[in-house]
């Protein structure tokens, strides 16, 4: 029997990662985040830097994530 392969998300391509980030930021604006400095910081900083392992791949999903 073959060993089970752990479920992993495919590595995001640069285009899809940028698209996910823009969708995430747009959703924040729709939810009422209007402070330009906050939005600018969210655009500049990669949220994945605050997450570990597989969670980093989910940095721009609209869900609670544990921070490092």
C-alpha atoms as a PDB file:
ATOM      1  CA  UNK A   1       0.000   0.000   0.000  1.00  0.00           C
ATOM      2  CA  UNK A   2       1.199   3.490  -0.689  1.00  0.00           C
ATOM      3  CA  UNK A   3       1.626   5.990   2.101  1.00  0.00           C
ATOM      4  CA  UNK A   4      -0.954   8.764   2.346  1.00  0.00           C
ATOM      5  CA  UNK A   5       0.161  12.071   0.942  1.00  0.00           C
ATOM      6  CA  UNK A   6      -0.464  15.027   3.269  1.00  0.00           C
ATOM      7  CA  UNK A   7      -2.986  17.474   1.860  1.00  0.00           C
ATOM      8  CA  UNK A   8      -1.202  20.622   0.751  1.00  0.00           C
ATOM      9  CA  UNK A   9      -2.477  23.602  -1.096  1.00  0.00           C
ATOM     10  CA  UNK A  10      -0.732  24.284  -4.396  1.00  0.00           C
ATOM     11  CA  UNK A  11       1.925  26.963  -4.234  1.00  0.00           C
ATOM     12  CA  UNK A  12       0.266  30.214  -5.270  1.00  0.00           C
ATOM     13  CA  UNK A  13       1.537  31.797  -8.439  1.00  0.00           C
ATOM     14  CA  UNK A  14       2.617  35.418  -8.145  1.00  0.00           C
ATOM     15  CA  UNK A  15      -0.466  36.538 -10.097  1.00  0.00           C
ATOM     16  CA  UNK A  16      -2.923  34.564  -7.998  1.00  0.00           C
ATOM     17  CA  UNK A  17      -1.220  35.664  -4.779  1.00  0.00           C
ATOM     18  CA  UNK A  18      -1.413  39.317  -5.792  1.00  0.00           C
ATOM     19  CA  UNK A  19      -5.044  38.841  -6.798  1.00  0.00           C
ATOM     20  CA  UNK A  20      -5.897  37.231  -3.444  1.00  0.00           C
ATOM     21  CA  UNK A  21      -4.183  40.093  -1.630  1.00  0.00           C
ATOM     22  CA  UNK A  22      -6.121  42.711  -3.597  1.00  0.00           C
ATOM     23  CA  UNK A  23      -9.412  40.871  -2.994  1.00  0.00           C
ATOM     24  CA  UNK A  24      -8.602  40.710   0.720  1.00  0.00           C
ATOM     25  CA  UNK A  25      -7.829  44.431   0.875  1.00  0.00           C
ATOM     26  CA  UNK A  26     -10.973  45.293  -1.083  1.00  0.00           C
ATOM     27  CA  UNK A  27     -13.028  43.237   1.382  1.00  0.00           C
ATOM     28  CA  UNK A  28     -11.428  45.140   4.299  1.00  0.00           C
ATOM     29  CA  UNK A  29     -12.459  48.428   2.692  1.00  0.00           C
ATOM     30  CA  UNK A  30     -16.016  47.147   2.204  1.00  0.00           C
ATOM     31  CA  UNK A  31     -16.113  46.188   5.883  1.00  0.00           C
ATOM     32  CA  UNK A  32     -15.277  49.726   6.909  1.00  0.00           C
ATOM     33  CA  UNK A  33     -11.483  49.918   7.174  1.00  0.00           C
ATOM     34  CA  UNK A  34     -10.950  53.456   5.912  1.00  0.00           C
ATOM     35  CA  UNK A  35      -7.741  54.617   7.591  1.00  0.00           C
ATOM     36  CA  UNK A  36      -5.336  55.243   4.718  1.00  0.00           C
ATOM     37  CA  UNK A  37      -2.256  54.488   6.817  1.00  0.00           C
ATOM     38  CA  UNK A  38      -3.684  51.133   7.922  1.00  0.00           C
ATOM     39  CA  UNK A  39      -4.634  50.201   4.357  1.00  0.00           C
ATOM     40  CA  UNK A  40      -1.207  51.275   3.049  1.00  0.00           C
ATOM     41  CA  UNK A  41       0.529  49.142   5.688  1.00  0.00           C
ATOM     42  CA  UNK A  42      -1.675  46.171   4.809  1.00  0.00           C
ATOM     43  CA  UNK A  43      -0.701  46.599   1.147  1.00  0.00           C
ATOM     44  CA  UNK A  44       3.034  46.783   1.917  1.00  0.00           C
ATOM     45  CA  UNK A  45       3.441  44.026   4.505  1.00  0.00           C
ATOM     46  CA  UNK A  46       3.052  40.343   3.626  1.00  0.00           C
ATOM     47  CA  UNK A  47       0.606  38.842   6.138  1.00  0.00           C
ATOM     48  CA  UNK A  48       2.315  35.465   5.672  1.00  0.00           C
ATOM     49  CA  UNK A  49       5.294  36.803   7.651  1.00  0.00           C
ATOM     50  CA  UNK A  50       3.157  36.645  10.799  1.00  0.00           C
ATOM     51  CA  UNK A  51       2.060  33.036  10.279  1.00  0.00           C
ATOM     52  CA  UNK A  52       3.780  29.654  10.449  1.00  0.00           C
ATOM     53  CA  UNK A  53       3.729  26.638   8.166  1.00  0.00           C
ATOM     54  CA  UNK A  54       0.601  25.965   6.185  1.00  0.00           C
ATOM     55  CA  UNK A  55      -1.123  28.933   7.775  1.00  0.00           C
ATOM     56  CA  UNK A  56       1.149  31.267   5.789  1.00  0.00           C
ATOM     57  CA  UNK A  57      -0.447  29.936   2.602  1.00  0.00           C
ATOM     58  CA  UNK A  58      -3.826  31.045   3.931  1.00  0.00           C
ATOM     59  CA  UNK A  59      -2.747  34.570   4.871  1.00  0.00           C
ATOM     60  CA  UNK A  60      -5.303  36.275   2.637  1.00  0.00           C
ATOM     61  CA  UNK A  61      -8.295  34.069   3.387  1.00  0.00           C
ATOM     62  CA  UNK A  62     -11.096  35.695   5.326  1.00  0.00           C
ATOM     63  CA  UNK A  63     -10.800  33.585   8.461  1.00  0.00           C
ATOM     64  CA  UNK A  64      -9.174  33.779  11.892  1.00  0.00           C
ATOM     65  CA  UNK A  65      -5.575  32.554  11.887  1.00  0.00           C
ATOM     66  CA  UNK A  66      -3.068  32.047  14.710  1.00  0.00           C
ATOM     67  CA  UNK A  67      -0.246  34.572  14.636  1.00  0.00           C
ATOM     68  CA  UNK A  68       3.356  33.706  15.417  1.00  0.00           C
END
